[in-house]
């Protein structure tokens, strides 16, 4: 498994956080809680040949 640490800004609290992504799965969508404010974030990541080509982190209304 190849992993990539990706840094981004939380859409809720605007703090910079990081996430470890699995580059062997070409299309991923899942929900992860922010490590700072604990609010849910919908993560979408797309890879081609183990390189990140698209990353979105969107807030989820509770």
PDB file of N, CA and C in Angstrom:
ATOM      1  N   UNK A   1       0.844  -1.182   0.000  1.00  0.00           N
ATOM      2  CA  UNK A   1       0.000   0.000   0.000  1.00  0.00           C
ATOM      3  C   UNK A   1       0.890   1.246   0.000  1.00  0.00           C
ATOM      4  N   UNK A   2       0.544   2.182  -0.849  1.00  0.00           N
ATOM      5  CA  UNK A   2       1.260   3.451  -0.865  1.00  0.00           C
ATOM      6  C   UNK A   2       0.409   4.495  -0.159  1.00  0.00           C
ATOM      7  N   UNK A   3       1.054   5.278   0.688  1.00  0.00           N
ATOM      8  CA  UNK A   3       0.344   6.295   1.452  1.00  0.00           C
ATOM      9  C   UNK A   3       0.912   7.675   1.156  1.00  0.00           C
ATOM     10  N   UNK A   4       0.042   8.669   1.268  1.00  0.00           N
ATOM     11  CA  UNK A   4       0.419  10.058   1.038  1.00  0.00           C
ATOM     12  C   UNK A   4      -0.188  10.898   2.153  1.00  0.00           C
ATOM     13  N   UNK A   5       0.633  11.704   2.815  1.00  0.00           N
ATOM     14  CA  UNK A   5       0.094  12.637   3.805  1.00  0.00           C
ATOM     15  C   UNK A   5      -0.287  13.913   3.068  1.00  0.00           C
ATOM     16  N   UNK A   6      -1.564  14.305   3.205  1.00  0.00           N
ATOM     17  CA  UNK A   6      -2.073  15.485   2.509  1.00  0.00           C
ATOM     18  C   UNK A   6      -2.563  16.504   3.538  1.00  0.00           C
ATOM     19  N   UNK A   7      -2.097  17.751   3.412  1.00  0.00           N
ATOM     20  CA  UNK A   7      -2.495  18.826   4.311  1.00  0.00           C
ATOM     21  C   UNK A   7      -3.581  19.666   3.647  1.00  0.00           C
ATOM     22  N   UNK A   8      -4.581  20.070   4.432  1.00  0.00           N
ATOM     23  CA  UNK A   8      -5.675  20.892   3.925  1.00  0.00           C
ATOM     24  C   UNK A   8      -6.313  21.652   5.073  1.00  0.00           C
ATOM     25  N   UNK A   9      -7.191  22.572   4.740  1.00  0.00           N
ATOM     26  CA  UNK A   9      -7.850  23.410   5.737  1.00  0.00           C
ATOM     27  C   UNK A   9      -9.249  22.848   6.030  1.00  0.00           C
ATOM     28  N   UNK A  10      -9.562  22.715   7.304  1.00  0.00           N
ATOM     29  CA  UNK A  10     -10.885  22.235   7.703  1.00  0.00           C
ATOM     30  C   UNK A  10     -11.938  23.255   7.259  1.00  0.00           C
ATOM     31  N   UNK A  11     -13.021  22.790   6.627  1.00  0.00           N
ATOM     32  CA  UNK A  11     -14.066  23.714   6.188  1.00  0.00           C
ATOM     33  C   UNK A  11     -14.941  24.246   7.330  1.00  0.00           C
ATOM     34  N   UNK A  12     -14.740  23.735   8.541  1.00  0.00           N
ATOM     35  CA  UNK A  12     -15.508  24.200   9.703  1.00  0.00           C
ATOM     36  C   UNK A  12     -14.718  25.215  10.529  1.00  0.00           C
ATOM     37  N   UNK A  13     -13.525  24.824  10.968  1.00  0.00           N
ATOM     38  CA  UNK A  13     -12.747  25.670  11.887  1.00  0.00           C
ATOM     39  C   UNK A  13     -11.569  26.374  11.216  1.00  0.00           C
ATOM     40  N   UNK A  14     -11.303  26.042   9.968  1.00  0.00           N
ATOM     41  CA  UNK A  14     -10.248  26.655   9.148  1.00  0.00           C
ATOM     42  C   UNK A  14      -8.832  26.332   9.614  1.00  0.00           C
ATOM     43  N   UNK A  15      -8.674  25.399  10.541  1.00  0.00           N
ATOM     44  CA  UNK A  15      -7.342  24.965  10.963  1.00  0.00           C
ATOM     45  C   UNK A  15      -6.748  24.039   9.909  1.00  0.00           C
ATOM     46  N   UNK A  16      -5.429  24.081   9.780  1.00  0.00           N
ATOM     47  CA  UNK A  16      -4.764  23.171   8.859  1.00  0.00           C
ATOM     48  C   UNK A  16      -4.625  21.813   9.535  1.00  0.00           C
ATOM     49  N   UNK A  17      -5.073  20.779   8.848  1.00  0.00           N
ATOM     50  CA  UNK A  17      -4.976  19.415   9.347  1.00  0.00           C
ATOM     51  C   UNK A  17      -4.385  18.545   8.244  1.00  0.00           C
ATOM     52  N   UNK A  18      -4.021  17.341   8.592  1.00  0.00           N
ATOM     53  CA  UNK A  18      -3.482  16.423   7.600  1.00  0.00           C
ATOM     54  C   UNK A  18      -4.217  15.102   7.667  1.00  0.00           C
ATOM     55  N   UNK A  19      -4.126  14.371   6.586  1.00  0.00           N
ATOM     56  CA  UNK A  19      -4.779  13.084   6.473  1.00  0.00           C
ATOM     57  C   UNK A  19      -3.864  12.156   5.684  1.00  0.00           C
ATOM     58  N   UNK A  20      -3.821  10.903   6.068  1.00  0.00           N
ATOM     59  CA  UNK A  20      -3.067   9.901   5.322  1.00  0.00           C
ATOM     60  C   UNK A  20      -4.028   9.268   4.313  1.00  0.00           C
ATOM     61  N   UNK A  21      -3.664   9.351   3.039  1.00  0.00           N
ATOM     62  CA  UNK A  21      -4.504   8.826   1.961  1.00  0.00           C
ATOM     63  C   UNK A  21      -3.852   7.595   1.342  1.00  0.00           C
ATOM     64  N   UNK A  22      -4.673   6.636   0.962  1.00  0.00           N
ATOM     65  CA  UNK A  22      -4.220   5.426   0.269  1.00  0.00           C
ATOM     66  C   UNK A  22      -4.218   5.714  -1.224  1.00  0.00           C
ATOM     67  N   UNK A  23      -3.054   5.792  -1.838  1.00  0.00           N
ATOM     68  CA  UNK A  23      -2.953   6.162  -3.252  1.00  0.00           C
ATOM     69  C   UNK A  23      -3.286   5.017  -4.205  1.00  0.00           C
ATOM     70  N   UNK A  24      -3.485   3.811  -3.677  1.00  0.00           N
ATOM     71  CA  UNK A  24      -3.774   2.667  -4.552  1.00  0.00           C
ATOM     72  C   UNK A  24      -5.255   2.553  -4.911  1.00  0.00           C
ATOM     73  N   UNK A  25      -6.112   3.335  -4.257  1.00  0.00           N
ATOM     74  CA  UNK A  25      -7.547   3.345  -4.567  1.00  0.00           C
ATOM     75  C   UNK A  25      -7.813   4.589  -5.405  1.00  0.00           C
ATOM     76  N   UNK A  26      -8.187   4.410  -6.660  1.00  0.00           N
ATOM     77  CA  UNK A  26      -8.234   5.538  -7.600  1.00  0.00           C
ATOM     78  C   UNK A  26      -9.298   6.581  -7.286  1.00  0.00           C
ATOM     79  N   UNK A  27     -10.426   6.176  -6.718  1.00  0.00           N
ATOM     80  CA  UNK A  27     -11.499   7.122  -6.406  1.00  0.00           C
ATOM     81  C   UNK A  27     -12.038   6.821  -5.008  1.00  0.00           C
ATOM     82  N   UNK A  28     -12.012   7.836  -4.146  1.00  0.00           N
ATOM     83  CA  UNK A  28     -12.424   7.641  -2.757  1.00  0.00           C
ATOM     84  C   UNK A  28     -13.352   8.762  -2.316  1.00  0.00           C
ATOM     85  N   UNK A  29     -14.399   8.414  -1.598  1.00  0.00           N
ATOM     86  CA  UNK A  29     -15.271   9.388  -0.943  1.00  0.00           C
ATOM     87  C   UNK A  29     -15.647   8.804   0.415  1.00  0.00           C
ATOM     88  N   UNK A  30     -15.391   9.557   1.462  1.00  0.00           N
ATOM     89  CA  UNK A  30     -15.735   9.094   2.799  1.00  0.00           C
ATOM     90  C   UNK A  30     -15.846  10.284   3.740  1.00  0.00           C
ATOM     91  N   UNK A  31     -16.302  10.016   4.961  1.00  0.00           N
ATOM     92  CA  UNK A  31     -16.480  11.065   5.964  1.00  0.00           C
ATOM     93  C   UNK A  31     -15.487  10.831   7.090  1.00  0.00           C
ATOM     94  N   UNK A  32     -14.788  11.905   7.445  1.00  0.00           N
ATOM     95  CA  UNK A  32     -13.781  11.867   8.501  1.00  0.00           C
ATOM     96  C   UNK A  32     -14.019  13.067   9.408  1.00  0.00           C
ATOM     97  N   UNK A  33     -13.857  12.894  10.717  1.00  0.00           N
ATOM     98  CA  UNK A  33     -13.998  14.011  11.655  1.00  0.00           C
ATOM     99  C   UNK A  33     -12.706  14.822  11.703  1.00  0.00           C
ATOM    100  N   UNK A  34     -12.849  16.142  11.792  1.00  0.00           N
ATOM    101  CA  UNK A  34     -11.694  17.031  11.943  1.00  0.00           C
ATOM    102  C   UNK A  34     -11.000  16.710  13.261  1.00  0.00           C
ATOM    103  N   UNK A  35      -9.679  16.621  13.232  1.00  0.00           N
ATOM    104  CA  UNK A  35      -8.926  16.307  14.454  1.00  0.00           C
ATOM    105  C   UNK A  35      -8.868  17.473  15.424  1.00  0.00           C
ATOM    106  N   UNK A  36      -9.280  18.683  14.995  1.00  0.00           N
ATOM    107  CA  UNK A  36      -9.267  19.863  15.858  1.00  0.00           C
ATOM    108  C   UNK A  36     -10.659  20.127  16.438  1.00  0.00           C
ATOM    109  N   UNK A  37     -11.666  20.295  15.556  1.00  0.00           N
ATOM    110  CA  UNK A  37     -13.004  20.675  16.025  1.00  0.00           C
ATOM    111  C   UNK A  37     -14.003  19.517  16.077  1.00  0.00           C
ATOM    112  N   UNK A  38     -13.628  18.354  15.562  1.00  0.00           N
ATOM    113  CA  UNK A  38     -14.441  17.123  15.598  1.00  0.00           C
ATOM    114  C   UNK A  38     -15.683  17.163  14.705  1.00  0.00           C
ATOM    115  N   UNK A  39     -15.826  18.165  13.856  1.00  0.00           N
ATOM    116  CA  UNK A  39     -16.948  18.207  12.926  1.00  0.00           C
ATOM    117  C   UNK A  39     -16.678  17.305  11.728  1.00  0.00           C
ATOM    118  N   UNK A  40     -17.742  16.737  11.138  1.00  0.00           N
ATOM    119  CA  UNK A  40     -17.547  15.817  10.010  1.00  0.00           C
ATOM    120  C   UNK A  40     -17.181  16.548   8.719  1.00  0.00           C
ATOM    121  N   UNK A  41     -16.273  15.940   7.962  1.00  0.00           N
ATOM    122  CA  UNK A  41     -15.817  16.471   6.680  1.00  0.00           C
ATOM    123  C   UNK A  41     -15.985  15.372   5.642  1.00  0.00           C
ATOM    124  N   UNK A  42     -16.612  15.709   4.521  1.00  0.00           N
ATOM    125  CA  UNK A  42     -16.693  14.750   3.421  1.00  0.00           C
ATOM    126  C   UNK A  42     -15.436  14.904   2.573  1.00  0.00           C
ATOM    127  N   UNK A  43     -14.671  13.838   2.491  1.00  0.00           N
ATOM    128  CA  UNK A  43     -13.411  13.813   1.748  1.00  0.00           C
ATOM    129  C   UNK A  43     -13.637  13.103   0.418  1.00  0.00           C
ATOM    130  N   UNK A  44     -13.176  13.726  -0.652  1.00  0.00           N
ATOM    131  CA  UNK A  44     -13.172  13.102  -1.966  1.00  0.00           C
ATOM    132  C   UNK A  44     -11.763  13.227  -2.516  1.00  0.00           C
ATOM    133  N   UNK A  45     -11.180  12.095  -2.895  1.00  0.00           N
ATOM    134  CA  UNK A  45      -9.818  12.087  -3.432  1.00  0.00           C
ATOM    135  C   UNK A  45      -9.768  11.192  -4.658  1.00  0.00           C
ATOM    136  N   UNK A  46      -9.063  11.655  -5.673  1.00  0.00           N
ATOM    137  CA  UNK A  46      -8.880  10.883  -6.898  1.00  0.00           C
ATOM    138  C   UNK A  46      -7.401  10.796  -7.225  1.00  0.00           C
ATOM    139  N   UNK A  47      -6.986   9.602  -7.647  1.00  0.00           N
ATOM    140  CA  UNK A  47      -5.581   9.344  -7.955  1.00  0.00           C
ATOM    141  C   UNK A  47      -5.460   8.738  -9.349  1.00  0.00           C
ATOM    142  N   UNK A  48      -4.363   9.055 -10.016  1.00  0.00           N
ATOM    143  CA  UNK A  48      -3.970   8.388 -11.255  1.00  0.00           C
ATOM    144  C   UNK A  48      -2.520   7.987 -11.104  1.00  0.00           C
ATOM    145  N   UNK A  49      -2.249   6.708 -11.294  1.00  0.00           N
ATOM    146  CA  UNK A  49      -0.893   6.168 -11.161  1.00  0.00           C
ATOM    147  C   UNK A  49      -0.260   6.594  -9.837  1.00  0.00           C
ATOM    148  N   UNK A  50      -1.029   6.463  -8.776  1.00  0.00           N
ATOM    149  CA  UNK A  50      -0.606   6.762  -7.398  1.00  0.00           C
ATOM    150  C   UNK A  50      -0.302   8.236  -7.136  1.00  0.00           C
ATOM    151  N   UNK A  51      -0.739   9.135  -8.013  1.00  0.00           N
ATOM    152  CA  UNK A  51      -0.566  10.574  -7.801  1.00  0.00           C
ATOM    153  C   UNK A  51      -1.922  11.228  -7.594  1.00  0.00           C
ATOM    154  N   UNK A  52      -1.998  12.106  -6.609  1.00  0.00           N
ATOM    155  CA  UNK A  52      -3.232  12.816  -6.298  1.00  0.00           C
ATOM    156  C   UNK A  52      -3.551  13.819  -7.406  1.00  0.00           C
ATOM    157  N   UNK A  53      -4.733  13.669  -8.018  1.00  0.00           N
ATOM    158  CA  UNK A  53      -5.125  14.597  -9.083  1.00  0.00           C
ATOM    159  C   UNK A  53      -6.293  15.489  -8.661  1.00  0.00           C
ATOM    160  N   UNK A  54      -7.032  15.102  -7.615  1.00  0.00           N
ATOM    161  CA  UNK A  54      -8.149  15.906  -7.139  1.00  0.00           C
ATOM    162  C   UNK A  54      -8.387  15.602  -5.659  1.00  0.00           C
ATOM    163  N   UNK A  55      -8.605  16.672  -4.872  1.00  0.00           N
ATOM    164  CA  UNK A  55      -8.912  16.502  -3.455  1.00  0.00           C
ATOM    165  C   UNK A  55      -9.909  17.571  -3.054  1.00  0.00           C
ATOM    166  N   UNK A  56     -11.017  17.160  -2.435  1.00  0.00           N
ATOM    167  CA  UNK A  56     -12.019  18.090  -1.917  1.00  0.00           C
ATOM    168  C   UNK A  56     -12.342  17.724  -0.484  1.00  0.00           C
ATOM    169  N   UNK A  57     -12.469  18.738   0.350  1.00  0.00           N
ATOM    170  CA  UNK A  57     -12.882  18.573   1.743  1.00  0.00           C
ATOM    171  C   UNK A  57     -14.040  19.529   1.976  1.00  0.00           C
ATOM    172  N   UNK A  58     -15.243  18.963   2.140  1.00  0.00           N
ATOM    173  CA  UNK A  58     -16.446  19.767   2.268  1.00  0.00           C
ATOM    174  C   UNK A  58     -17.127  19.544   3.612  1.00  0.00           C
ATOM    175  N   UNK A  59     -17.715  20.596   4.145  1.00  0.00           N
ATOM    176  CA  UNK A  59     -18.432  20.495   5.416  1.00  0.00           C
ATOM    177  C   UNK A  59     -19.721  19.709   5.217  1.00  0.00           C
ATOM    178  N   UNK A  60     -20.145  19.076   6.279  1.00  0.00           N
ATOM    179  CA  UNK A  60     -21.411  18.350   6.305  1.00  0.00           C
ATOM    180  C   UNK A  60     -22.259  18.992   7.395  1.00  0.00           C
ATOM    181  N   UNK A  61     -23.427  19.414   7.031  1.00  0.00           N
ATOM    182  CA  UNK A  61     -24.339  20.036   8.012  1.00  0.00           C
ATOM    183  C   UNK A  61     -24.843  18.980   8.970  1.00  0.00           C
ATOM    184  N   UNK A  62     -24.827  19.321  10.257  1.00  0.00           N
ATOM    185  CA  UNK A  62     -25.285  18.361  11.283  1.00  0.00           C
ATOM    186  C   UNK A  62     -26.718  18.625  11.641  1.00  0.00           C
TER     187      UNK A  62
END
